[in-house]
C-alpha atoms as a PDB file:
ATOM      1  CA  UNK A   1      20.038  16.204  12.430  1.00  0.00           C
ATOM      2  CA  UNK A   2      18.549  16.056   9.123  1.00  0.00           C
ATOM      3  CA  UNK A   3      16.874  12.826   7.868  1.00  0.00           C
ATOM      4  CA  UNK A   4      18.412  12.282   4.102  1.00  0.00           C
ATOM      5  CA  UNK A   5      15.537   9.586   3.772  1.00  0.00           C
ATOM      6  CA  UNK A   6      12.689  11.687   4.766  1.00  0.00           C
ATOM      7  CA  UNK A   7      11.605   8.672   7.080  1.00  0.00           C
ATOM      8  CA  UNK A   8       8.164   8.696   8.878  1.00  0.00           C
ATOM      9  CA  UNK A   9       7.703   7.349  12.311  1.00  0.00           C
ATOM     10  CA  UNK A  10       5.909   4.179  10.723  1.00  0.00           C
ATOM     11  CA  UNK A  11       6.776   2.573   7.308  1.00  0.00           C
ATOM     12  CA  UNK A  12       5.625  -0.912   6.146  1.00  0.00           C
ATOM     13  CA  UNK A  13       7.894  -3.602   5.047  1.00  0.00           C
ATOM     14  CA  UNK A  14       6.713  -6.088   2.106  1.00  0.00           C
ATOM     15  CA  UNK A  15       8.203  -9.259   1.454  1.00  0.00           C
ATOM     16  CA  UNK A  16       8.431 -10.708  -2.349  1.00  0.00           C
ATOM     17  CA  UNK A  17       9.655 -14.089  -3.834  1.00  0.00           C
ATOM     18  CA  UNK A  18      10.900 -11.597  -6.554  1.00  0.00           C
ATOM     19  CA  UNK A  19      11.117  -8.216  -5.731  1.00  0.00           C
ATOM     20  CA  UNK A  20      12.803  -6.788  -8.164  1.00  0.00           C
ATOM     21  CA  UNK A  21       9.978  -7.660 -10.133  1.00  0.00           C
ATOM     22  CA  UNK A  22       7.837  -6.006  -7.524  1.00  0.00           C
ATOM     23  CA  UNK A  23       9.637  -2.600  -7.767  1.00  0.00           C
ATOM     24  CA  UNK A  24       9.044  -2.584 -10.983  1.00  0.00           C
ATOM     25  CA  UNK A  25       5.016  -3.402 -10.928  1.00  0.00           C
ATOM     26  CA  UNK A  26       5.005  -1.194  -7.730  1.00  0.00           C
ATOM     27  CA  UNK A  27       6.220   1.541  -9.801  1.00  0.00           C
ATOM     28  CA  UNK A  28       4.201   0.984 -13.150  1.00  0.00           C
ATOM     29  CA  UNK A  29       0.770  -0.084 -11.123  1.00  0.00           C
ATOM     30  CA  UNK A  30       0.553   2.730  -8.637  1.00  0.00           C
ATOM     31  CA  UNK A  31       3.412   5.494  -9.437  1.00  0.00           C
ATOM     32  CA  UNK A  32       5.389   4.308  -6.497  1.00  0.00           C
ATOM     33  CA  UNK A  33       9.037   5.875  -6.914  1.00  0.00           C
ATOM     34  CA  UNK A  34      11.904   3.852  -6.557  1.00  0.00           C
ATOM     35  CA  UNK A  35      14.099   5.880  -3.787  1.00  0.00           C
ATOM     36  CA  UNK A  36      16.945   3.691  -2.744  1.00  0.00           C
ATOM     37  CA  UNK A  37      18.112  -0.658  -3.904  1.00  0.00           C
ATOM     38  CA  UNK A  38      20.818  -1.792  -2.113  1.00  0.00           C
ATOM     39  CA  UNK A  39      21.948  -5.510  -3.900  1.00  0.00           C
ATOM     40  CA  UNK A  40      25.101  -7.531  -2.532  1.00  0.00           C
ATOM     41  CA  UNK A  41      28.012  -8.665  -4.867  1.00  0.00           C
ATOM     42  CA  UNK A  42      25.808 -11.537  -6.662  1.00  0.00           C
ATOM     43  CA  UNK A  43      22.960  -9.247  -7.659  1.00  0.00           C
ATOM     44  CA  UNK A  44      20.460 -10.296  -5.361  1.00  0.00           C
ATOM     45  CA  UNK A  45      17.946  -7.314  -3.077  1.00  0.00           C
ATOM     46  CA  UNK A  46      19.281  -6.589   0.760  1.00  0.00           C
ATOM     47  CA  UNK A  47      17.198  -3.633   0.826  1.00  0.00           C
ATOM     48  CA  UNK A  48      14.573  -1.116  -0.982  1.00  0.00           C
ATOM     49  CA  UNK A  49      12.375   1.557  -0.787  1.00  0.00           C
ATOM     50  CA  UNK A  50      10.343   3.801  -2.287  1.00  0.00           C
ATOM     51  CA  UNK A  51       8.459   6.265  -1.608  1.00  0.00           C
ATOM     52  CA  UNK A  52       4.546   7.869  -2.598  1.00  0.00           C
ATOM     53  CA  UNK A  53       3.430  11.325  -1.283  1.00  0.00           C
ATOM     54  CA  UNK A  54       5.415  11.645   2.237  1.00  0.00           C
ATOM     55  CA  UNK A  55       5.295   8.066   2.954  1.00  0.00           C
ATOM     56  CA  UNK A  56       7.776   4.822   2.005  1.00  0.00           C
ATOM     57  CA  UNK A  57       7.405   1.451   1.905  1.00  0.00           C
ATOM     58  CA  UNK A  58      10.383  -1.320   1.907  1.00  0.00           C
ATOM     59  CA  UNK A  59      10.062  -3.636  -0.553  1.00  0.00           C
ATOM     60  CA  UNK A  60      12.734  -6.743   0.072  1.00  0.00           C
ATOM     61  CA  UNK A  61      13.073 -10.717  -0.272  1.00  0.00           C
ATOM     62  CA  UNK A  62      11.767 -13.096   2.186  1.00  0.00           C
ATOM     63  CA  UNK A  63      15.179 -13.694   4.288  1.00  0.00           C
ATOM     64  CA  UNK A  64      14.557 -15.584   7.028  1.00  0.00           C
ATOM     65  CA  UNK A  65      11.706 -18.457   8.356  1.00  0.00           C
ATOM     66  CA  UNK A  66       9.222 -15.587   9.602  1.00  0.00           C
ATOM     67  CA  UNK A  67       8.956 -13.456   6.584  1.00  0.00           C
ATOM     68  CA  UNK A  68       7.337 -14.223   3.277  1.00  0.00           C
ATOM     69  CA  UNK A  69       5.329 -13.562   0.284  1.00  0.00           C
ATOM     70  CA  UNK A  70       1.113 -14.735   0.223  1.00  0.00           C
ATOM     71  CA  UNK A  71       2.671 -16.264  -2.655  1.00  0.00           C
ATOM     72  CA  UNK A  72       3.845 -19.117  -0.174  1.00  0.00           C
ATOM     73  CA  UNK A  73       1.225 -18.593   2.366  1.00  0.00           C
ATOM     74  CA  UNK A  74      -1.476 -20.028  -0.182  1.00  0.00           C
ATOM     75  CA  UNK A  75      -2.712 -15.993  -0.733  1.00  0.00           C
ATOM     76  CA  UNK A  76      -3.020 -14.894   2.869  1.00  0.00           C
ATOM     77  CA  UNK A  77      -1.978 -11.595   4.121  1.00  0.00           C
ATOM     78  CA  UNK A  78      -1.598 -10.629   7.460  1.00  0.00           C
ATOM     79  CA  UNK A  79      -1.322  -7.282   6.985  1.00  0.00           C
ATOM     80  CA  UNK A  80      -2.831  -4.818   4.191  1.00  0.00           C
ATOM     81  CA  UNK A  81      -1.053  -1.435   3.591  1.00  0.00           C
ATOM     82  CA  UNK A  82      -3.590   1.799   3.326  1.00  0.00           C
ATOM     83  CA  UNK A  83      -2.119   4.429   1.006  1.00  0.00           C
ATOM     84  CA  UNK A  84      -4.135   8.015   1.114  1.00  0.00           C
ATOM     85  CA  UNK A  85      -4.337   9.925  -2.365  1.00  0.00           C
ATOM     86  CA  UNK A  86      -5.110  13.271  -2.178  1.00  0.00           C
ATOM     87  CA  UNK A  87      -6.618  13.147  -5.168  1.00  0.00           C
ATOM     88  CA  UNK A  88      -7.588  11.050  -8.285  1.00  0.00           C
ATOM     89  CA  UNK A  89      -8.781   7.999  -6.613  1.00  0.00           C
ATOM     90  CA  UNK A  90     -10.276   6.317  -9.312  1.00  0.00           C
ATOM     91  CA  UNK A  91      -7.898   7.217 -11.900  1.00  0.00           C
ATOM     92  CA  UNK A  92      -5.481   5.294  -9.624  1.00  0.00           C
ATOM     93  CA  UNK A  93      -7.513   2.338  -9.619  1.00  0.00           C
ATOM     94  CA  UNK A  94      -7.622   1.986 -13.406  1.00  0.00           C
ATOM     95  CA  UNK A  95      -3.833   2.403 -13.950  1.00  0.00           C
ATOM     96  CA  UNK A  96      -3.402  -0.086 -11.090  1.00  0.00           C
ATOM     97  CA  UNK A  97      -6.359  -2.393 -13.447  1.00  0.00           C
ATOM     98  CA  UNK A  98      -4.051  -1.886 -16.557  1.00  0.00           C
ATOM     99  CA  UNK A  99      -0.767  -2.975 -15.009  1.00  0.00           C
ATOM    100  CA  UNK A 100      -2.854  -6.174 -14.158  1.00  0.00           C
ATOM    101  CA  UNK A 101      -3.599  -5.632 -10.436  1.00  0.00           C
ATOM    102  CA  UNK A 102      -6.141  -7.794  -9.192  1.00  0.00           C
ATOM    103  CA  UNK A 103      -8.949  -5.110  -8.136  1.00  0.00           C
ATOM    104  CA  UNK A 104     -10.813  -6.686  -4.856  1.00  0.00           C
ATOM    105  CA  UNK A 105     -12.850  -3.892  -3.929  1.00  0.00           C
ATOM    106  CA  UNK A 106     -14.173  -1.698  -6.726  1.00  0.00           C
ATOM    107  CA  UNK A 107     -14.297   1.914  -5.367  1.00  0.00           C
ATOM    108  CA  UNK A 108     -16.655   3.088  -3.053  1.00  0.00           C
ATOM    109  CA  UNK A 109     -17.800   6.083  -0.744  1.00  0.00           C
ATOM    110  CA  UNK A 110     -17.360   5.447   2.561  1.00  0.00           C
ATOM    111  CA  UNK A 111     -19.692   6.496   5.877  1.00  0.00           C
ATOM    112  CA  UNK A 112     -16.491   8.516   7.314  1.00  0.00           C
ATOM    113  CA  UNK A 113     -16.460  10.248   4.027  1.00  0.00           C
ATOM    114  CA  UNK A 114     -13.262   8.649   2.203  1.00  0.00           C
ATOM    115  CA  UNK A 115     -13.456   6.566  -1.010  1.00  0.00           C
ATOM    116  CA  UNK A 116     -11.768   3.772  -0.802  1.00  0.00           C
ATOM    117  CA  UNK A 117      -9.978   0.600  -3.016  1.00  0.00           C
ATOM    118  CA  UNK A 118      -7.926  -2.227  -2.706  1.00  0.00           C
ATOM    119  CA  UNK A 119      -5.773  -4.586  -5.142  1.00  0.00           C
ATOM    120  CA  UNK A 120      -3.921  -7.103  -5.464  1.00  0.00           C
ATOM    121  CA  UNK A 121      -0.640  -6.986  -6.657  1.00  0.00           C
ATOM    122  CA  UNK A 122       1.061 -10.034  -8.679  1.00  0.00           C
ATOM    123  CA  UNK A 123       2.070 -12.268  -5.417  1.00  0.00           C
ATOM    124  CA  UNK A 124      -0.878 -11.328  -3.472  1.00  0.00           C
ATOM    125  CA  UNK A 125      -0.649  -8.400  -1.452  1.00  0.00           C
ATOM    126  CA  UNK A 126      -3.371  -6.270  -0.721  1.00  0.00           C
ATOM    127  CA  UNK A 127      -3.016  -2.817  -0.844  1.00  0.00           C
ATOM    128  CA  UNK A 128      -5.922  -0.002  -0.072  1.00  0.00           C
ATOM    129  CA  UNK A 129      -6.132   3.733  -1.478  1.00  0.00           C
ATOM    130  CA  UNK A 130      -8.076   5.876   0.248  1.00  0.00           C
ATOM    131  CA  UNK A 131      -9.276   9.550  -0.705  1.00  0.00           C
ATOM    132  CA  UNK A 132     -10.999  11.760   1.248  1.00  0.00           C
ATOM    133  CA  UNK A 133     -13.814  13.262  -0.779  1.00  0.00           C
ATOM    134  CA  UNK A 134     -16.463  14.608   2.001  1.00  0.00           C
ATOM    135  CA  UNK A 135     -15.701  15.941   5.492  1.00  0.00           C
ATOM    136  CA  UNK A 136     -17.573  13.918   7.912  1.00  0.00           C
ATOM    137  CA  UNK A 137     -18.240  14.360  11.999  1.00  0.00           C
ATOM    138  CA  UNK A 138     -18.429  11.160  14.781  1.00  0.00           C
ATOM    139  CA  UNK A 139     -21.890  11.506  14.852  1.00  0.00           C
ATOM    140  CA  UNK A 140     -22.801  11.656  11.344  1.00  0.00           C
ATOM    141  CA  UNK A 141     -20.270   8.654  10.761  1.00  0.00           C
ATOM    142  CA  UNK A 142     -22.180   6.438  13.973  1.00  0.00           C
ATOM    143  CA  UNK A 143     -25.427   7.363  12.300  1.00  0.00           C
ATOM    144  CA  UNK A 144     -24.883   6.387   8.847  1.00  0.00           C
ATOM    145  CA  UNK A 145     -22.770   2.894  10.098  1.00  0.00           C
ATOM    146  CA  UNK A 146     -24.896   2.301  13.125  1.00  0.00           C
ATOM    147  CA  UNK A 147     -21.488   1.445  14.495  1.00  0.00           C
ATOM    148  CA  UNK A 148     -20.305   3.732  18.225  1.00  0.00           C
ATOM    149  CA  UNK A 149     -16.866   5.331  17.475  1.00  0.00           C
ATOM    150  CA  UNK A 150     -14.416   6.898  20.017  1.00  0.00           C
ATOM    151  CA  UNK A 151     -11.556   8.942  19.417  1.00  0.00           C
ATOM    152  CA  UNK A 152     -12.828  10.478  16.705  1.00  0.00           C
ATOM    153  CA  UNK A 153     -10.752  14.455  16.133  1.00  0.00           C
END
């Protein structure tokens, strides 16, 4: 059976105090595309999905006592969403910065061959973006990092 929503095996759900503002901001700052928005009779957001490349993220309100925005948790995050870009990481970072993102980790090349930056959105969720800039073997990554790496294929 075909999936009309093109769902990947994994996706994250990210909760906001103001999910409608988050949808607008994520479009402007990160280039995410709003693909589904479900509202109730009072206009409250019930569920939404945004796509970027071949992935998607669900954006919603805190809907019970186990979900909340970092704004309600003294800015703490329990996860970070990672988005892999095919190209243009530095320009993507500047777009996010111009839209008001707090860049918590400036773009930098990593020992494993990716260039990465991290940005906090207006409610404090941390989003990490990476782009592969060079192919690195496991042995080279271990040598550069001083770490033992298992499972590298």
